[in-house]
């Protein structure tokens, strides 16, 4: 999990317990998996602004070029866990 900090400072043992619980729920994203914006940037493209980028990624998955998997990661606030799509190139050995 990325090192995320609360927007507001943690105070007291209750807040610390919540932070500990949330960090235990998050999955570790293995190397090679990228979020959608990171995937597009690696391809030299801008982030999703229209459905055309999503359609392109879906077509690449269907053609066996990319693989998609959801990982449960902390959102930017660090206060909840959300399933987020991640992508990676399909290895040629598959």
PDB file of N, CA and C in Angstrom:
ATOM      1  N   UNK A   1       0.838  -1.185   0.000  1.00  0.00           N
ATOM      2  CA  UNK A   1       0.000   0.000   0.000  1.00  0.00           C
ATOM      3  C   UNK A   1       0.876   1.239   0.000  1.00  0.00           C
ATOM      4  N   UNK A   2       0.429   2.217  -0.693  1.00  0.00           N
ATOM      5  CA  UNK A   2       1.173   3.474  -0.684  1.00  0.00           C
ATOM      6  C   UNK A   2       1.099   4.098   0.694  1.00  0.00           C
ATOM      7  N   UNK A   3       2.084   4.879   1.014  1.00  0.00           N
ATOM      8  CA  UNK A   3       2.081   5.583   2.280  1.00  0.00           C
ATOM      9  C   UNK A   3       1.161   6.783   2.154  1.00  0.00           C
ATOM     10  N   UNK A   4      -0.027   6.655   2.651  1.00  0.00           N
ATOM     11  CA  UNK A   4      -0.997   7.747   2.563  1.00  0.00           C
ATOM     12  C   UNK A   4      -1.182   8.332   3.954  1.00  0.00           C
ATOM     13  N   UNK A   5      -1.319   9.612   3.998  1.00  0.00           N
ATOM     14  CA  UNK A   5      -1.539  10.291   5.274  1.00  0.00           C
ATOM     15  C   UNK A   5      -2.954  10.843   5.303  1.00  0.00           C
ATOM     16  N   UNK A   6      -3.492  10.907   6.465  1.00  0.00           N
ATOM     17  CA  UNK A   6      -4.810  11.494   6.640  1.00  0.00           C
ATOM     18  C   UNK A   6      -4.749  12.973   6.272  1.00  0.00           C
ATOM     19  N   UNK A   7      -5.847  13.501   5.765  1.00  0.00           N
ATOM     20  CA  UNK A   7      -5.907  14.935   5.480  1.00  0.00           C
ATOM     21  C   UNK A   7      -5.823  15.734   6.775  1.00  0.00           C
ATOM     22  N   UNK A   8      -6.373  15.162   7.831  1.00  0.00           N
ATOM     23  CA  UNK A   8      -6.297  15.797   9.148  1.00  0.00           C
ATOM     24  C   UNK A   8      -5.418  14.911  10.021  1.00  0.00           C
ATOM     25  N   UNK A   9      -4.708  15.506  10.945  1.00  0.00           N
ATOM     26  CA  UNK A   9      -3.835  14.695  11.799  1.00  0.00           C
ATOM     27  C   UNK A   9      -4.637  13.674  12.607  1.00  0.00           C
ATOM     28  N   UNK A  10      -4.036  12.514  12.777  1.00  0.00           N
ATOM     29  CA  UNK A  10      -4.677  11.483  13.594  1.00  0.00           C
ATOM     30  C   UNK A  10      -4.509  11.863  15.052  1.00  0.00           C
ATOM     31  N   UNK A  11      -5.604  11.740  15.773  1.00  0.00           N
ATOM     32  CA  UNK A  11      -5.562  12.071  17.197  1.00  0.00           C
ATOM     33  C   UNK A  11      -6.190  10.936  17.987  1.00  0.00           C
ATOM     34  N   UNK A  12      -5.498  10.445  18.919  1.00  0.00           N
ATOM     35  CA  UNK A  12      -6.049   9.472  19.840  1.00  0.00           C
ATOM     36  C   UNK A  12      -6.009   8.044  19.337  1.00  0.00           C
ATOM     37  N   UNK A  13      -6.270   7.160  20.280  1.00  0.00           N
ATOM     38  CA  UNK A  13      -6.172   5.734  19.979  1.00  0.00           C
ATOM     39  C   UNK A  13      -7.290   5.237  19.066  1.00  0.00           C
ATOM     40  N   UNK A  14      -8.467   5.874  19.074  1.00  0.00           N
ATOM     41  CA  UNK A  14      -9.571   5.447  18.208  1.00  0.00           C
ATOM     42  C   UNK A  14      -9.229   5.709  16.745  1.00  0.00           C
ATOM     43  N   UNK A  15      -8.691   6.868  16.476  1.00  0.00           N
ATOM     44  CA  UNK A  15      -8.298   7.195  15.102  1.00  0.00           C
ATOM     45  C   UNK A  15      -7.154   6.295  14.640  1.00  0.00           C
ATOM     46  N   UNK A  16      -6.227   6.013  15.517  1.00  0.00           N
ATOM     47  CA  UNK A  16      -5.123   5.112  15.184  1.00  0.00           C
ATOM     48  C   UNK A  16      -5.626   3.704  14.899  1.00  0.00           C
ATOM     49  N   UNK A  17      -6.627   3.263  15.682  1.00  0.00           N
ATOM     50  CA  UNK A  17      -7.208   1.936  15.453  1.00  0.00           C
ATOM     51  C   UNK A  17      -7.883   1.875  14.089  1.00  0.00           C
ATOM     52  N   UNK A  18      -8.587   2.940  13.706  1.00  0.00           N
ATOM     53  CA  UNK A  18      -9.234   2.987  12.395  1.00  0.00           C
ATOM     54  C   UNK A  18      -8.196   2.942  11.281  1.00  0.00           C
ATOM     55  N   UNK A  19      -7.147   3.715  11.394  1.00  0.00           N
ATOM     56  CA  UNK A  19      -6.098   3.716  10.381  1.00  0.00           C
ATOM     57  C   UNK A  19      -5.460   2.338  10.262  1.00  0.00           C
ATOM     58  N   UNK A  20      -5.225   1.685  11.370  1.00  0.00           N
ATOM     59  CA  UNK A  20      -4.641   0.354  11.359  1.00  0.00           C
ATOM     60  C   UNK A  20      -5.569  -0.645  10.679  1.00  0.00           C
ATOM     61  N   UNK A  21      -6.850  -0.567  10.991  1.00  0.00           N
ATOM     62  CA  UNK A  21      -7.841  -1.465  10.393  1.00  0.00           C
ATOM     63  C   UNK A  21      -7.902  -1.275   8.881  1.00  0.00           C
ATOM     64  N   UNK A  22      -7.945  -0.038   8.426  1.00  0.00           N
ATOM     65  CA  UNK A  22      -8.031   0.246   6.994  1.00  0.00           C
ATOM     66  C   UNK A  22      -6.786  -0.253   6.275  1.00  0.00           C
ATOM     67  N   UNK A  23      -5.626  -0.036   6.853  1.00  0.00           N
ATOM     68  CA  UNK A  23      -4.394  -0.490   6.192  1.00  0.00           C
ATOM     69  C   UNK A  23      -4.338  -2.017   6.117  1.00  0.00           C
ATOM     70  N   UNK A  24      -4.960  -2.733   7.073  1.00  0.00           N
ATOM     71  CA  UNK A  24      -4.991  -4.193   7.021  1.00  0.00           C
ATOM     72  C   UNK A  24      -5.921  -4.685   5.913  1.00  0.00           C
ATOM     73  N   UNK A  25      -6.940  -3.910   5.559  1.00  0.00           N
ATOM     74  CA  UNK A  25      -7.909  -4.305   4.545  1.00  0.00           C
ATOM     75  C   UNK A  25      -7.379  -4.109   3.125  1.00  0.00           C
ATOM     76  N   UNK A  26      -6.442  -3.208   2.961  1.00  0.00           N
ATOM     77  CA  UNK A  26      -5.928  -2.887   1.622  1.00  0.00           C
ATOM     78  C   UNK A  26      -5.056  -4.021   1.097  1.00  0.00           C
ATOM     79  N   UNK A  27      -5.150  -4.240  -0.209  1.00  0.00           N
ATOM     80  CA  UNK A  27      -4.309  -5.241  -0.859  1.00  0.00           C
ATOM     81  C   UNK A  27      -3.025  -4.581  -1.340  1.00  0.00           C
ATOM     82  N   UNK A  28      -1.979  -5.367  -1.398  1.00  0.00           N
ATOM     83  CA  UNK A  28      -0.723  -4.889  -1.962  1.00  0.00           C
ATOM     84  C   UNK A  28      -0.794  -5.126  -3.470  1.00  0.00           C
ATOM     85  N   UNK A  29      -0.597  -4.074  -4.234  1.00  0.00           N
ATOM     86  CA  UNK A  29      -0.629  -4.194  -5.693  1.00  0.00           C
ATOM     87  C   UNK A  29       0.740  -4.693  -6.152  1.00  0.00           C
ATOM     88  N   UNK A  30       0.770  -5.847  -6.816  1.00  0.00           N
ATOM     89  CA  UNK A  30       2.064  -6.395  -7.262  1.00  0.00           C
ATOM     90  C   UNK A  30       2.729  -5.503  -8.306  1.00  0.00           C
ATOM     91  N   UNK A  31       4.048  -5.602  -8.436  1.00  0.00           N
ATOM     92  CA  UNK A  31       4.760  -4.828  -9.460  1.00  0.00           C
ATOM     93  C   UNK A  31       4.211  -5.154 -10.852  1.00  0.00           C
ATOM     94  N   UNK A  32       4.195  -4.150 -11.700  1.00  0.00           N
ATOM     95  CA  UNK A  32       3.727  -4.338 -13.070  1.00  0.00           C
ATOM     96  C   UNK A  32       2.283  -3.930 -13.299  1.00  0.00           C
ATOM     97  N   UNK A  33       1.496  -3.842 -12.238  1.00  0.00           N
ATOM     98  CA  UNK A  33       0.099  -3.423 -12.345  1.00  0.00           C
ATOM     99  C   UNK A  33       0.025  -1.915 -12.176  1.00  0.00           C
ATOM    100  N   UNK A  34      -0.741  -1.254 -13.062  1.00  0.00           N
ATOM    101  CA  UNK A  34      -0.866   0.211 -13.033  1.00  0.00           C
ATOM    102  C   UNK A  34      -2.328   0.618 -13.023  1.00  0.00           C
ATOM    103  N   UNK A  35      -2.606   1.721 -12.349  1.00  0.00           N
ATOM    104  CA  UNK A  35      -3.944   2.312 -12.422  1.00  0.00           C
ATOM    105  C   UNK A  35      -4.158   2.862 -13.822  1.00  0.00           C
ATOM    106  N   UNK A  36      -5.398   3.187 -14.151  1.00  0.00           N
ATOM    107  CA  UNK A  36      -5.733   3.597 -15.512  1.00  0.00           C
ATOM    108  C   UNK A  36      -4.907   4.803 -15.969  1.00  0.00           C
ATOM    109  N   UNK A  37      -4.759   5.816 -15.133  1.00  0.00           N
ATOM    110  CA  UNK A  37      -4.009   7.001 -15.560  1.00  0.00           C
ATOM    111  C   UNK A  37      -2.536   6.664 -15.789  1.00  0.00           C
ATOM    112  N   UNK A  38      -1.975   5.814 -14.926  1.00  0.00           N
ATOM    113  CA  UNK A  38      -0.581   5.395 -15.092  1.00  0.00           C
ATOM    114  C   UNK A  38      -0.420   4.563 -16.369  1.00  0.00           C
ATOM    115  N   UNK A  39      -1.411   3.718 -16.667  1.00  0.00           N
ATOM    116  CA  UNK A  39      -1.389   2.893 -17.878  1.00  0.00           C
ATOM    117  C   UNK A  39      -1.376   3.775 -19.115  1.00  0.00           C
ATOM    118  N   UNK A  40      -2.273   4.749 -19.145  1.00  0.00           N
ATOM    119  CA  UNK A  40      -2.355   5.639 -20.306  1.00  0.00           C
ATOM    120  C   UNK A  40      -1.086   6.479 -20.444  1.00  0.00           C
ATOM    121  N   UNK A  41      -0.550   6.968 -19.332  1.00  0.00           N
ATOM    122  CA  UNK A  41       0.683   7.748 -19.385  1.00  0.00           C
ATOM    123  C   UNK A  41       1.840   6.904 -19.915  1.00  0.00           C
ATOM    124  N   UNK A  42       1.894   5.623 -19.528  1.00  0.00           N
ATOM    125  CA  UNK A  42       2.955   4.736 -20.016  1.00  0.00           C
ATOM    126  C   UNK A  42       2.848   4.534 -21.525  1.00  0.00           C
ATOM    127  N   UNK A  43       1.630   4.683 -22.070  1.00  0.00           N
ATOM    128  CA  UNK A  43       1.410   4.570 -23.517  1.00  0.00           C
ATOM    129  C   UNK A  43       1.592   5.905 -24.224  1.00  0.00           C
ATOM    130  N   UNK A  44       1.906   6.943 -23.454  1.00  0.00           N
ATOM    131  CA  UNK A  44       2.087   8.263 -24.043  1.00  0.00           C
ATOM    132  C   UNK A  44       0.786   9.001 -24.286  1.00  0.00           C
ATOM    133  N   UNK A  45      -0.277   8.595 -23.577  1.00  0.00           N
ATOM    134  CA  UNK A  45      -1.590   9.216 -23.748  1.00  0.00           C
ATOM    135  C   UNK A  45      -1.972  10.010 -22.514  1.00  0.00           C
ATOM    136  N   UNK A  46      -2.923  10.905 -22.689  1.00  0.00           N
ATOM    137  CA  UNK A  46      -3.454  11.673 -21.557  1.00  0.00           C
ATOM    138  C   UNK A  46      -4.455  10.812 -20.807  1.00  0.00           C
ATOM    139  N   UNK A  47      -4.850  11.268 -19.630  1.00  0.00           N
ATOM    140  CA  UNK A  47      -5.820  10.511 -18.842  1.00  0.00           C
ATOM    141  C   UNK A  47      -7.177  10.481 -19.536  1.00  0.00           C
ATOM    142  N   UNK A  48      -8.034   9.638 -19.016  1.00  0.00           N
ATOM    143  CA  UNK A  48      -9.351   9.449 -19.634  1.00  0.00           C
ATOM    144  C   UNK A  48     -10.129  10.751 -19.615  1.00  0.00           C
ATOM    145  N   UNK A  49     -10.547  11.197 -20.781  1.00  0.00           N
ATOM    146  CA  UNK A  49     -11.368  12.389 -20.907  1.00  0.00           C
ATOM    147  C   UNK A  49     -12.659  12.059 -21.626  1.00  0.00           C
ATOM    148  N   UNK A  50     -12.637  10.935 -22.312  1.00  0.00           N
ATOM    149  CA  UNK A  50     -13.831  10.501 -23.035  1.00  0.00           C
ATOM    150  C   UNK A  50     -13.898   8.986 -23.007  1.00  0.00           C
ATOM    151  N   UNK A  51     -14.964   8.460 -23.532  1.00  0.00           N
ATOM    152  CA  UNK A  51     -15.132   7.014 -23.559  1.00  0.00           C
ATOM    153  C   UNK A  51     -14.190   6.315 -24.510  1.00  0.00           C
ATOM    154  N   UNK A  52     -13.544   7.077 -25.399  1.00  0.00           N
ATOM    155  CA  UNK A  52     -12.665   6.442 -26.389  1.00  0.00           C
ATOM    156  C   UNK A  52     -11.471   5.743 -25.738  1.00  0.00           C
ATOM    157  N   UNK A  53     -10.934   6.316 -24.670  1.00  0.00           N
ATOM    158  CA  UNK A  53      -9.795   5.693 -23.979  1.00  0.00           C
ATOM    159  C   UNK A  53     -10.243   4.408 -23.279  1.00  0.00           C
ATOM    160  N   UNK A  54     -11.405   4.454 -22.640  1.00  0.00           N
ATOM    161  CA  UNK A  54     -11.936   3.257 -21.975  1.00  0.00           C
ATOM    162  C   UNK A  54     -12.206   2.163 -22.990  1.00  0.00           C
ATOM    163  N   UNK A  55     -12.759   2.542 -24.128  1.00  0.00           N
ATOM    164  CA  UNK A  55     -13.050   1.576 -25.188  1.00  0.00           C
ATOM    165  C   UNK A  55     -11.761   0.956 -25.712  1.00  0.00           C
ATOM    166  N   UNK A  56     -10.729   1.779 -25.880  1.00  0.00           N
ATOM    167  CA  UNK A  56      -9.446   1.288 -26.357  1.00  0.00           C
ATOM    168  C   UNK A  56      -8.866   0.267 -25.375  1.00  0.00           C
ATOM    169  N   UNK A  57      -8.900   0.580 -24.068  1.00  0.00           N
ATOM    170  CA  UNK A  57      -8.384  -0.348 -23.063  1.00  0.00           C
ATOM    171  C   UNK A  57      -9.170  -1.655 -23.078  1.00  0.00           C
ATOM    172  N   UNK A  58     -10.489  -1.564 -23.190  1.00  0.00           N
ATOM    173  CA  UNK A  58     -11.327  -2.761 -23.244  1.00  0.00           C
ATOM    174  C   UNK A  58     -10.987  -3.613 -24.464  1.00  0.00           C
ATOM    175  N   UNK A  59     -10.791  -2.982 -25.607  1.00  0.00           N
ATOM    176  CA  UNK A  59     -10.421  -3.714 -26.826  1.00  0.00           C
ATOM    177  C   UNK A  59      -9.057  -4.386 -26.667  1.00  0.00           C
ATOM    178  N   UNK A  60      -8.124  -3.702 -26.014  1.00  0.00           N
ATOM    179  CA  UNK A  60      -6.794  -4.287 -25.788  1.00  0.00           C
ATOM    180  C   UNK A  60      -6.885  -5.501 -24.860  1.00  0.00           C
ATOM    181  N   UNK A  61      -7.816  -5.457 -23.908  1.00  0.00           N
ATOM    182  CA  UNK A  61      -8.038  -6.608 -23.022  1.00  0.00           C
ATOM    183  C   UNK A  61      -8.623  -7.764 -23.829  1.00  0.00           C
ATOM    184  N   UNK A  62      -9.622  -7.464 -24.655  1.00  0.00           N
ATOM    185  CA  UNK A  62     -10.277  -8.499 -25.459  1.00  0.00           C
ATOM    186  C   UNK A  62      -9.317  -9.145 -26.448  1.00  0.00           C
ATOM    187  N   UNK A  63      -8.343  -8.397 -26.939  1.00  0.00           N
ATOM    188  CA  UNK A  63      -7.373  -8.929 -27.907  1.00  0.00           C
ATOM    189  C   UNK A  63      -6.187  -9.609 -27.221  1.00  0.00           C
ATOM    190  N   UNK A  64      -6.185  -9.624 -25.879  1.00  0.00           N
ATOM    191  CA  UNK A  64      -5.134 -10.320 -25.151  1.00  0.00           C
ATOM    192  C   UNK A  64      -3.850  -9.532 -24.984  1.00  0.00           C
ATOM    193  N   UNK A  65      -3.918  -8.215 -25.180  1.00  0.00           N
ATOM    194  CA  UNK A  65      -2.727  -7.367 -25.041  1.00  0.00           C
ATOM    195  C   UNK A  65      -2.560  -6.907 -23.598  1.00  0.00           C
ATOM    196  N   UNK A  66      -3.684  -6.567 -22.966  1.00  0.00           N
ATOM    197  CA  UNK A  66      -3.695  -6.124 -21.574  1.00  0.00           C
ATOM    198  C   UNK A  66      -4.521  -7.078 -20.727  1.00  0.00           C
ATOM    199  N   UNK A  67      -4.259  -7.015 -19.448  1.00  0.00           N
ATOM    200  CA  UNK A  67      -5.004  -7.766 -18.451  1.00  0.00           C
ATOM    201  C   UNK A  67      -5.512  -6.746 -17.435  1.00  0.00           C
ATOM    202  N   UNK A  68      -6.736  -6.945 -16.930  1.00  0.00           N
ATOM    203  CA  UNK A  68      -7.302  -6.024 -15.936  1.00  0.00           C
ATOM    204  C   UNK A  68      -7.679  -6.807 -14.687  1.00  0.00           C
ATOM    205  N   UNK A  69      -7.400  -6.211 -13.548  1.00  0.00           N
ATOM    206  CA  UNK A  69      -7.752  -6.816 -12.267  1.00  0.00           C
ATOM    207  C   UNK A  69      -8.047  -5.705 -11.269  1.00  0.00           C
ATOM    208  N   UNK A  70      -9.019  -5.941 -10.412  1.00  0.00           N
ATOM    209  CA  UNK A  70      -9.315  -4.960  -9.366  1.00  0.00           C
ATOM    210  C   UNK A  70      -8.553  -5.317  -8.098  1.00  0.00           C
ATOM    211  N   UNK A  71      -7.952  -4.294  -7.506  1.00  0.00           N
ATOM    212  CA  UNK A  71      -7.305  -4.435  -6.206  1.00  0.00           C
ATOM    213  C   UNK A  71      -7.990  -3.493  -5.243  1.00  0.00           C
ATOM    214  N   UNK A  72      -8.167  -3.950  -4.022  1.00  0.00           N
ATOM    215  CA  UNK A  72      -8.786  -3.110  -2.996  1.00  0.00           C
ATOM    216  C   UNK A  72      -7.686  -2.250  -2.364  1.00  0.00           C
ATOM    217  N   UNK A  73      -7.746  -0.959  -2.648  1.00  0.00           N
ATOM    218  CA  UNK A  73      -6.719  -0.041  -2.165  1.00  0.00           C
ATOM    219  C   UNK A  73      -7.369   1.137  -1.450  1.00  0.00           C
ATOM    220  N   UNK A  74      -6.587   1.817  -0.631  1.00  0.00           N
ATOM    221  CA  UNK A  74      -7.085   2.990   0.084  1.00  0.00           C
ATOM    222  C   UNK A  74      -7.292   4.131  -0.900  1.00  0.00           C
ATOM    223  N   UNK A  75      -8.379   4.871  -0.717  1.00  0.00           N
ATOM    224  CA  UNK A  75      -8.595   6.047  -1.566  1.00  0.00           C
ATOM    225  C   UNK A  75      -7.654   7.156  -1.127  1.00  0.00           C
ATOM    226  N   UNK A  76      -7.724   8.275  -1.816  1.00  0.00           N
ATOM    227  CA  UNK A  76      -6.754   9.346  -1.553  1.00  0.00           C
ATOM    228  C   UNK A  76      -6.879   9.926  -0.147  1.00  0.00           C
ATOM    229  N   UNK A  77      -8.051   9.783   0.485  1.00  0.00           N
ATOM    230  CA  UNK A  77      -8.195  10.297   1.847  1.00  0.00           C
ATOM    231  C   UNK A  77      -7.565   9.354   2.863  1.00  0.00           C
ATOM    232  N   UNK A  78      -7.399   8.076   2.478  1.00  0.00           N
ATOM    233  CA  UNK A  78      -6.861   7.093   3.407  1.00  0.00           C
ATOM    234  C   UNK A  78      -7.882   6.599   4.399  1.00  0.00           C
ATOM    235  N   UNK A  79      -9.156   6.974   4.215  1.00  0.00           N
ATOM    236  CA  UNK A  79     -10.195   6.618   5.184  1.00  0.00           C
ATOM    237  C   UNK A  79     -11.108   5.487   4.735  1.00  0.00           C
ATOM    238  N   UNK A  80     -10.937   5.007   3.495  1.00  0.00           N
ATOM    239  CA  UNK A  80     -11.763   3.882   3.054  1.00  0.00           C
ATOM    240  C   UNK A  80     -11.025   3.094   1.979  1.00  0.00           C
ATOM    241  N   UNK A  81     -11.459   1.864   1.809  1.00  0.00           N
ATOM    242  CA  UNK A  81     -10.889   0.956   0.828  1.00  0.00           C
ATOM    243  C   UNK A  81     -11.867   0.853  -0.338  1.00  0.00           C
ATOM    244  N   UNK A  82     -11.340   0.939  -1.555  1.00  0.00           N
ATOM    245  CA  UNK A  82     -12.187   0.858  -2.738  1.00  0.00           C
ATOM    246  C   UNK A  82     -11.547  -0.093  -3.756  1.00  0.00           C
ATOM    247  N   UNK A  83     -12.378  -0.836  -4.506  1.00  0.00           N
ATOM    248  CA  UNK A  83     -11.814  -1.638  -5.588  1.00  0.00           C
ATOM    249  C   UNK A  83     -11.458  -0.736  -6.765  1.00  0.00           C
ATOM    250  N   UNK A  84     -10.215  -0.786  -7.190  1.00  0.00           N
ATOM    251  CA  UNK A  84      -9.722   0.066  -8.273  1.00  0.00           C
ATOM    252  C   UNK A  84      -9.156  -0.833  -9.376  1.00  0.00           C
ATOM    253  N   UNK A  85      -9.560  -0.556 -10.626  1.00  0.00           N
ATOM    254  CA  UNK A  85      -9.031  -1.308 -11.756  1.00  0.00           C
ATOM    255  C   UNK A  85      -7.550  -1.013 -11.941  1.00  0.00           C
ATOM    256  N   UNK A  86      -6.793  -2.069 -12.190  1.00  0.00           N
ATOM    257  CA  UNK A  86      -5.374  -1.972 -12.511  1.00  0.00           C
ATOM    258  C   UNK A  86      -5.133  -2.782 -13.785  1.00  0.00           C
ATOM    259  N   UNK A  87      -4.134  -2.391 -14.540  1.00  0.00           N
ATOM    260  CA  UNK A  87      -3.834  -3.025 -15.824  1.00  0.00           C
ATOM    261  C   UNK A  87      -2.366  -3.419 -15.876  1.00  0.00           C
ATOM    262  N   UNK A  88      -2.102  -4.459 -16.671  1.00  0.00           N
ATOM    263  CA  UNK A  88      -0.713  -4.812 -16.967  1.00  0.00           C
ATOM    264  C   UNK A  88      -0.671  -5.452 -18.347  1.00  0.00           C
ATOM    265  N   UNK A  89       0.500  -5.419 -18.938  1.00  0.00           N
ATOM    266  CA  UNK A  89       0.696  -6.071 -20.225  1.00  0.00           C
ATOM    267  C   UNK A  89       0.660  -7.579 -20.028  1.00  0.00           C
ATOM    268  N   UNK A  90       0.044  -8.285 -20.949  1.00  0.00           N
ATOM    269  CA  UNK A  90       0.021  -9.737 -20.895  1.00  0.00           C
ATOM    270  C   UNK A  90       1.398 -10.229 -21.323  1.00  0.00           C
ATOM    271  N   UNK A  91       1.980 -11.090 -20.525  1.00  0.00           N
ATOM    272  CA  UNK A  91       3.313 -11.594 -20.884  1.00  0.00           C
ATOM    273  C   UNK A  91       3.205 -12.481 -22.116  1.00  0.00           C
ATOM    274  N   UNK A  92       4.224 -12.440 -22.945  1.00  0.00           N
ATOM    275  CA  UNK A  92       4.217 -13.183 -24.209  1.00  0.00           C
ATOM    276  C   UNK A  92       4.282 -14.687 -23.981  1.00  0.00           C
ATOM    277  N   UNK A  93       4.686 -15.110 -22.793  1.00  0.00           N
ATOM    278  CA  UNK A  93       4.776 -16.529 -22.494  1.00  0.00           C
ATOM    279  C   UNK A  93       3.431 -17.175 -22.191  1.00  0.00           C
ATOM    280  N   UNK A  94       2.373 -16.365 -22.042  1.00  0.00           N
ATOM    281  CA  UNK A  94       1.055 -16.926 -21.699  1.00  0.00           C
ATOM    282  C   UNK A  94       0.398 -17.580 -22.875  1.00  0.00           C
TER     283      UNK A  94
END
